[in-house]
PDB file of N, CA and C in Angstrom:
ATOM      1  N   MET A   1       6.634  10.992  11.019  1.00  0.00           N
ATOM      2  CA  MET A   1       5.416  11.355  10.324  1.00  0.00           C
ATOM      3  C   MET A   1       5.097  12.838  10.518  1.00  0.00           C
ATOM      4  N   GLU A   2       5.191  13.308  11.743  1.00  0.00           N
ATOM      5  CA  GLU A   2       4.809  14.685  12.021  1.00  0.00           C
ATOM      6  C   GLU A   2       5.728  15.691  11.337  1.00  0.00           C
ATOM      7  N   LYS A   3       6.958  15.287  10.993  1.00  0.00           N
ATOM      8  CA  LYS A   3       7.883  16.193  10.310  1.00  0.00           C
ATOM      9  C   LYS A   3       7.437  16.458   8.871  1.00  0.00           C
ATOM     10  N   ASN A   4       6.827  15.459   8.229  1.00  0.00           N
ATOM     11  CA  ASN A   4       6.455  15.565   6.817  1.00  0.00           C
ATOM     12  C   ASN A   4       5.002  15.944   6.569  1.00  0.00           C
ATOM     13  N   PHE A   5       4.139  15.684   7.537  1.00  0.00           N
ATOM     14  CA  PHE A   5       2.714  15.949   7.352  1.00  0.00           C
ATOM     15  C   PHE A   5       2.199  16.794   8.507  1.00  0.00           C
ATOM     16  N   THR A   6       1.406  17.806   8.206  1.00  0.00           N
ATOM     17  CA  THR A   6       0.788  18.608   9.254  1.00  0.00           C
ATOM     18  C   THR A   6      -0.682  18.231   9.359  1.00  0.00           C
ATOM     19  N   ASP A   7      -1.283  18.581  10.466  1.00  0.00           N
ATOM     20  CA  ASP A   7      -2.713  18.309  10.652  1.00  0.00           C
ATOM     21  C   ASP A   7      -3.579  19.159   9.729  1.00  0.00           C
ATOM     22  N   LYS A   8      -3.008  20.232   9.178  1.00  0.00           N
ATOM     23  CA  LYS A   8      -3.789  21.151   8.346  1.00  0.00           C
ATOM     24  C   LYS A   8      -3.799  20.768   6.870  1.00  0.00           C
ATOM     25  N   LEU A   9      -2.907  19.883   6.451  1.00  0.00           N
ATOM     26  CA  LEU A   9      -2.843  19.476   5.050  1.00  0.00           C
ATOM     27  C   LEU A   9      -3.989  18.517   4.745  1.00  0.00           C
ATOM     28  N   LYS A  10      -4.848  18.910   3.827  1.00  0.00           N
ATOM     29  CA  LYS A  10      -6.025  18.113   3.474  1.00  0.00           C
ATOM     30  C   LYS A  10      -5.703  17.175   2.312  1.00  0.00           C
ATOM     31  N   PHE A  11      -6.187  15.957   2.404  1.00  0.00           N
ATOM     32  CA  PHE A  11      -5.969  14.930   1.391  1.00  0.00           C
ATOM     33  C   PHE A  11      -6.544  15.354   0.046  1.00  0.00           C
ATOM     34  N   THR A  12      -7.689  15.975   0.054  1.00  0.00           N
ATOM     35  CA  THR A  12      -8.335  16.389  -1.196  1.00  0.00           C
ATOM     36  C   THR A  12      -7.702  17.641  -1.793  1.00  0.00           C
ATOM     37  N   SER A  13      -6.779  18.282  -1.074  1.00  0.00           N
ATOM     38  CA  SER A  13      -6.097  19.473  -1.579  1.00  0.00           C
ATOM     39  C   SER A  13      -4.861  19.142  -2.404  1.00  0.00           C
ATOM     40  N   LEU A  14      -4.440  17.891  -2.419  1.00  0.00           N
ATOM     41  CA  LEU A  14      -3.247  17.504  -3.172  1.00  0.00           C
ATOM     42  C   LEU A  14      -3.501  17.645  -4.664  1.00  0.00           C
ATOM     43  N   LYS A  15      -2.499  18.121  -5.404  1.00  0.00           N
ATOM     44  CA  LYS A  15      -2.656  18.352  -6.840  1.00  0.00           C
ATOM     45  C   LYS A  15      -2.688  17.053  -7.637  1.00  0.00           C
ATOM     46  N   ASN A  16      -1.860  16.086  -7.254  1.00  0.00           N
ATOM     47  CA  ASN A  16      -1.789  14.810  -7.980  1.00  0.00           C
ATOM     48  C   ASN A  16      -2.825  13.826  -7.453  1.00  0.00           C
ATOM     49  N   TYR A  17      -3.199  12.882  -8.313  1.00  0.00           N
ATOM     50  CA  TYR A  17      -4.110  11.806  -7.914  1.00  0.00           C
ATOM     51  C   TYR A  17      -3.343  10.854  -7.006  1.00  0.00           C
ATOM     52  N   VAL A  18      -3.865  10.605  -5.814  1.00  0.00           N
ATOM     53  CA  VAL A  18      -3.175   9.783  -4.818  1.00  0.00           C
ATOM     54  C   VAL A  18      -4.104   8.674  -4.337  1.00  0.00           C
ATOM     55  N   ILE A  19      -3.557   7.476  -4.230  1.00  0.00           N
ATOM     56  CA  ILE A  19      -4.276   6.338  -3.659  1.00  0.00           C
ATOM     57  C   ILE A  19      -3.427   5.787  -2.519  1.00  0.00           C
ATOM     58  N   ILE A  20      -4.019   5.675  -1.328  1.00  0.00           N
ATOM     59  CA  ILE A  20      -3.327   5.110  -0.175  1.00  0.00           C
ATOM     60  C   ILE A  20      -3.989   3.772   0.143  1.00  0.00           C
ATOM     61  N   PRO A  21      -3.263   2.657  -0.069  1.00  0.00           N
ATOM     62  CA  PRO A  21      -3.847   1.347   0.233  1.00  0.00           C
ATOM     63  C   PRO A  21      -3.735   1.018   1.716  1.00  0.00           C
ATOM     64  N   SER A  22      -4.748   0.383   2.245  1.00  0.00           N
ATOM     65  CA  SER A  22      -4.738  -0.066   3.633  1.00  0.00           C
ATOM     66  C   SER A  22      -5.608  -1.308   3.729  1.00  0.00           C
ATOM     67  N   LEU A  23      -5.290  -2.165   4.666  1.00  0.00           N
ATOM     68  CA  LEU A  23      -6.069  -3.379   4.867  1.00  0.00           C
ATOM     69  C   LEU A  23      -6.908  -3.234   6.121  1.00  0.00           C
ATOM     70  N   ASN A  24      -8.205  -3.425   5.976  1.00  0.00           N
ATOM     71  CA  ASN A  24      -9.096  -3.435   7.129  1.00  0.00           C
ATOM     72  C   ASN A  24      -8.929  -4.795   7.788  1.00  0.00           C
ATOM     73  N   ILE A  25      -8.183  -4.841   8.889  1.00  0.00           N
ATOM     74  CA  ILE A  25      -7.852  -6.126   9.501  1.00  0.00           C
ATOM     75  C   ILE A  25      -9.053  -6.788  10.163  1.00  0.00           C
ATOM     76  N   HIS A  26     -10.086  -6.017  10.478  1.00  0.00           N
ATOM     77  CA  HIS A  26     -11.276  -6.593  11.099  1.00  0.00           C
ATOM     78  C   HIS A  26     -12.160  -7.311  10.080  1.00  0.00           C
ATOM     79  N   MET A  27     -12.231  -6.766   8.860  1.00  0.00           N
ATOM     80  CA  MET A  27     -13.077  -7.352   7.820  1.00  0.00           C
ATOM     81  C   MET A  27     -12.268  -8.114   6.776  1.00  0.00           C
ATOM     82  N   GLY A  28     -10.940  -7.948   6.780  1.00  0.00           N
ATOM     83  CA  GLY A  28     -10.093  -8.611   5.798  1.00  0.00           C
ATOM     84  C   GLY A  28     -10.245  -8.059   4.399  1.00  0.00           C
ATOM     85  N   GLN A  29     -10.639  -6.799   4.291  1.00  0.00           N
ATOM     86  CA  GLN A  29     -10.853  -6.183   2.986  1.00  0.00           C
ATOM     87  C   GLN A  29      -9.842  -5.069   2.749  1.00  0.00           C
ATOM     88  N   LEU A  30      -9.469  -4.898   1.488  1.00  0.00           N
ATOM     89  CA  LEU A  30      -8.588  -3.824   1.087  1.00  0.00           C
ATOM     90  C   LEU A  30      -9.373  -2.523   1.052  1.00  0.00           C
ATOM     91  N   GLN A  31      -8.831  -1.490   1.663  1.00  0.00           N
ATOM     92  CA  GLN A  31      -9.441  -0.160   1.647  1.00  0.00           C
ATOM     93  C   GLN A  31      -8.511   0.757   0.873  1.00  0.00           C
ATOM     94  N   LEU A  32      -9.014   1.418  -0.156  1.00  0.00           N
ATOM     95  CA  LEU A  32      -8.229   2.370  -0.923  1.00  0.00           C
ATOM     96  C   LEU A  32      -8.737   3.775  -0.640  1.00  0.00           C
ATOM     97  N   PHE A  33      -7.882   4.594  -0.061  1.00  0.00           N
ATOM     98  CA  PHE A  33      -8.223   5.995   0.169  1.00  0.00           C
ATOM     99  C   PHE A  33      -7.819   6.765  -1.083  1.00  0.00           C
ATOM    100  N   LYS A  34      -8.786   7.354  -1.784  1.00  0.00           N
ATOM    101  CA  LYS A  34      -8.527   8.096  -3.020  1.00  0.00           C
ATOM    102  C   LYS A  34      -8.892   9.557  -2.804  1.00  0.00           C
ATOM    103  N   ASN A  35      -8.123  10.462  -3.412  1.00  0.00           N
ATOM    104  CA  ASN A  35      -8.388  11.880  -3.221  1.00  0.00           C
ATOM    105  C   ASN A  35      -9.152  12.513  -4.389  1.00  0.00           C
ATOM    106  N   ARG A  36      -9.772  11.709  -5.215  1.00  0.00           N
ATOM    107  CA  ARG A  36     -10.572  12.220  -6.331  1.00  0.00           C
ATOM    108  C   ARG A  36     -11.859  11.408  -6.453  1.00  0.00           C
ATOM    109  N   GLY A  37     -12.839  11.994  -7.104  1.00  0.00           N
ATOM    110  CA  GLY A  37     -14.066  11.280  -7.424  1.00  0.00           C
ATOM    111  C   GLY A  37     -15.009  11.089  -6.256  1.00  0.00           C
ATOM    112  N   GLU A  38     -15.900  10.142  -6.433  1.00  0.00           N
ATOM    113  CA  GLU A  38     -16.939   9.863  -5.446  1.00  0.00           C
ATOM    114  C   GLU A  38     -16.381   9.243  -4.162  1.00  0.00           C
ATOM    115  N   ALA A  39     -15.184   8.674  -4.252  1.00  0.00           N
ATOM    116  CA  ALA A  39     -14.569   7.998  -3.100  1.00  0.00           C
ATOM    117  C   ALA A  39     -14.288   8.950  -1.939  1.00  0.00           C
ATOM    118  N   ILE A  40     -14.152  10.248  -2.221  1.00  0.00           N
ATOM    119  CA  ILE A  40     -13.822  11.184  -1.134  1.00  0.00           C
ATOM    120  C   ILE A  40     -14.970  11.352  -0.146  1.00  0.00           C
ATOM    121  N   THR A  41     -16.178  11.031  -0.567  1.00  0.00           N
ATOM    122  CA  THR A  41     -17.313  11.145   0.354  1.00  0.00           C
ATOM    123  C   THR A  41     -17.313  10.032   1.393  1.00  0.00           C
ATOM    124  N   LYS A  42     -16.538   8.972   1.137  1.00  0.00           N
ATOM    125  CA  LYS A  42     -16.486   7.835   2.056  1.00  0.00           C
ATOM    126  C   LYS A  42     -15.239   7.838   2.942  1.00  0.00           C
ATOM    127  N   LEU A  43     -14.426   8.890   2.857  1.00  0.00           N
ATOM    128  CA  LEU A  43     -13.217   8.970   3.673  1.00  0.00           C
ATOM    129  C   LEU A  43     -13.576   9.142   5.140  1.00  0.00           C
ATOM    130  N   PRO A  44     -12.858   8.448   6.036  1.00  0.00           N
ATOM    131  CA  PRO A  44     -13.120   8.634   7.466  1.00  0.00           C
ATOM    132  C   PRO A  44     -12.680  10.011   7.954  1.00  0.00           C
ATOM    133  N   THR A  45     -11.724  10.622   7.255  1.00  0.00           N
ATOM    134  CA  THR A  45     -11.225  11.957   7.572  1.00  0.00           C
ATOM    135  C   THR A  45     -10.616  12.548   6.310  1.00  0.00           C
ATOM    136  N   ASN A  46     -10.455  13.861   6.255  1.00  0.00           N
ATOM    137  CA  ASN A  46      -9.838  14.504   5.105  1.00  0.00           C
ATOM    138  C   ASN A  46      -8.414  14.952   5.427  1.00  0.00           C
ATOM    139  N   THR A  47      -7.936  14.665   6.618  1.00  0.00           N
ATOM    140  CA  THR A  47      -6.592  15.061   7.011  1.00  0.00           C
ATOM    141  C   THR A  47      -5.592  14.028   6.508  1.00  0.00           C
ATOM    142  N   LEU A  48      -4.634  14.477   5.700  1.00  0.00           N
ATOM    143  CA  LEU A  48      -3.647  13.575   5.123  1.00  0.00           C
ATOM    144  C   LEU A  48      -2.858  12.855   6.209  1.00  0.00           C
ATOM    145  N   TYR A  49      -2.489  13.544   7.256  1.00  0.00           N
ATOM    146  CA  TYR A  49      -1.724  12.948   8.359  1.00  0.00           C
ATOM    147  C   TYR A  49      -2.468  11.759   8.968  1.00  0.00           C
ATOM    148  N   GLN A  50      -3.758  11.906   9.214  1.00  0.00           N
ATOM    149  CA  GLN A  50      -4.535  10.829   9.830  1.00  0.00           C
ATOM    150  C   GLN A  50      -4.701   9.638   8.887  1.00  0.00           C
ATOM    151  N   LEU A  51      -4.892   9.891   7.595  1.00  0.00           N
ATOM    152  CA  LEU A  51      -5.038   8.795   6.631  1.00  0.00           C
ATOM    153  C   LEU A  51      -3.741   8.004   6.475  1.00  0.00           C
ATOM    154  N   VAL A  52      -2.612   8.715   6.390  1.00  0.00           N
ATOM    155  CA  VAL A  52      -1.321   8.038   6.251  1.00  0.00           C
ATOM    156  C   VAL A  52      -0.991   7.267   7.524  1.00  0.00           C
ATOM    157  N   THR A  53      -1.290   7.839   8.672  1.00  0.00           N
ATOM    158  CA  THR A  53      -1.057   7.150   9.941  1.00  0.00           C
ATOM    159  C   THR A  53      -1.908   5.888  10.037  1.00  0.00           C
ATOM    160  N   ALA A  54      -3.160   5.969   9.627  1.00  0.00           N
ATOM    161  CA  ALA A  54      -4.048   4.802   9.660  1.00  0.00           C
ATOM    162  C   ALA A  54      -3.552   3.711   8.718  1.00  0.00           C
ATOM    163  N   ALA A  55      -3.119   4.097   7.530  1.00  0.00           N
ATOM    164  CA  ALA A  55      -2.636   3.115   6.561  1.00  0.00           C
ATOM    165  C   ALA A  55      -1.323   2.481   7.014  1.00  0.00           C
ATOM    166  N   ALA A  56      -0.454   3.264   7.634  1.00  0.00           N
ATOM    167  CA  ALA A  56       0.837   2.741   8.092  1.00  0.00           C
ATOM    168  C   ALA A  56       0.683   1.877   9.336  1.00  0.00           C
ATOM    169  N   SER A  57      -0.365   2.091  10.092  1.00  0.00           N
ATOM    170  CA  SER A  57      -0.575   1.334  11.322  1.00  0.00           C
ATOM    171  C   SER A  57      -1.127  -0.059  11.054  1.00  0.00           C
ATOM    172  N   ALA A  58      -1.805  -0.229   9.946  1.00  0.00           N
ATOM    173  CA  ALA A  58      -2.397  -1.527   9.596  1.00  0.00           C
ATOM    174  C   ALA A  58      -1.481  -2.261   8.625  1.00  0.00           C
ATOM    175  N   GLU A  59      -1.674  -3.559   8.501  1.00  0.00           N
ATOM    176  CA  GLU A  59      -0.933  -4.327   7.499  1.00  0.00           C
ATOM    177  C   GLU A  59      -1.461  -3.934   6.129  1.00  0.00           C
ATOM    178  N   THR A  60      -0.567  -3.812   5.155  1.00  0.00           N
ATOM    179  CA  THR A  60      -0.991  -3.471   3.798  1.00  0.00           C
ATOM    180  C   THR A  60      -0.868  -4.685   2.896  1.00  0.00           C
ATOM    181  N   VAL A  61      -1.724  -4.746   1.909  1.00  0.00           N
ATOM    182  CA  VAL A  61      -1.724  -5.865   0.976  1.00  0.00           C
ATOM    183  C   VAL A  61      -0.529  -5.777   0.035  1.00  0.00           C
ATOM    184  N   PHE A  62      -0.207  -4.559  -0.386  1.00  0.00           N
ATOM    185  CA  PHE A  62       0.951  -4.367  -1.253  1.00  0.00           C
ATOM    186  C   PHE A  62       1.623  -3.057  -0.878  1.00  0.00           C
ATOM    187  N   PRO A  63       2.947  -2.952  -1.101  1.00  0.00           N
ATOM    188  CA  PRO A  63       3.653  -1.725  -0.722  1.00  0.00           C
ATOM    189  C   PRO A  63       3.253  -0.566  -1.623  1.00  0.00           C
ATOM    190  N   PRO A  64       3.339   0.671  -1.108  1.00  0.00           N
ATOM    191  CA  PRO A  64       3.002   1.831  -1.932  1.00  0.00           C
ATOM    192  C   PRO A  64       3.966   1.952  -3.111  1.00  0.00           C
ATOM    193  N   SER A  65       3.465   2.424  -4.230  1.00  0.00           N
ATOM    194  CA  SER A  65       4.316   2.621  -5.402  1.00  0.00           C
ATOM    195  C   SER A  65       3.880   3.886  -6.117  1.00  0.00           C
ATOM    196  N   ILE A  66       4.782   4.427  -6.885  1.00  0.00           N
ATOM    197  CA  ILE A  66       4.492   5.640  -7.649  1.00  0.00           C
ATOM    198  C   ILE A  66       3.981   5.223  -9.019  1.00  0.00           C
ATOM    199  N   LEU A  67       2.838   5.768  -9.401  1.00  0.00           N
ATOM    200  CA  LEU A  67       2.247   5.430 -10.698  1.00  0.00           C
ATOM    201  C   LEU A  67       2.732   6.369 -11.757  1.00  0.00           C
TER     202      LEU A  67
END
């Protein structure tokens, strides 16, 4: 992970629209981290490395895919 993502790369700085799916195992709800729109105000962090690490650490409902 650390080879591909730095702590300085911000999720909202990405040029393409990105959605990172993650499952909140405590509540059993799907969490979608989006880098556009009103959803960015609800992000736990803006660091891409931390969001990808959080999503990869939890069970996901569906595998990531390219849209």
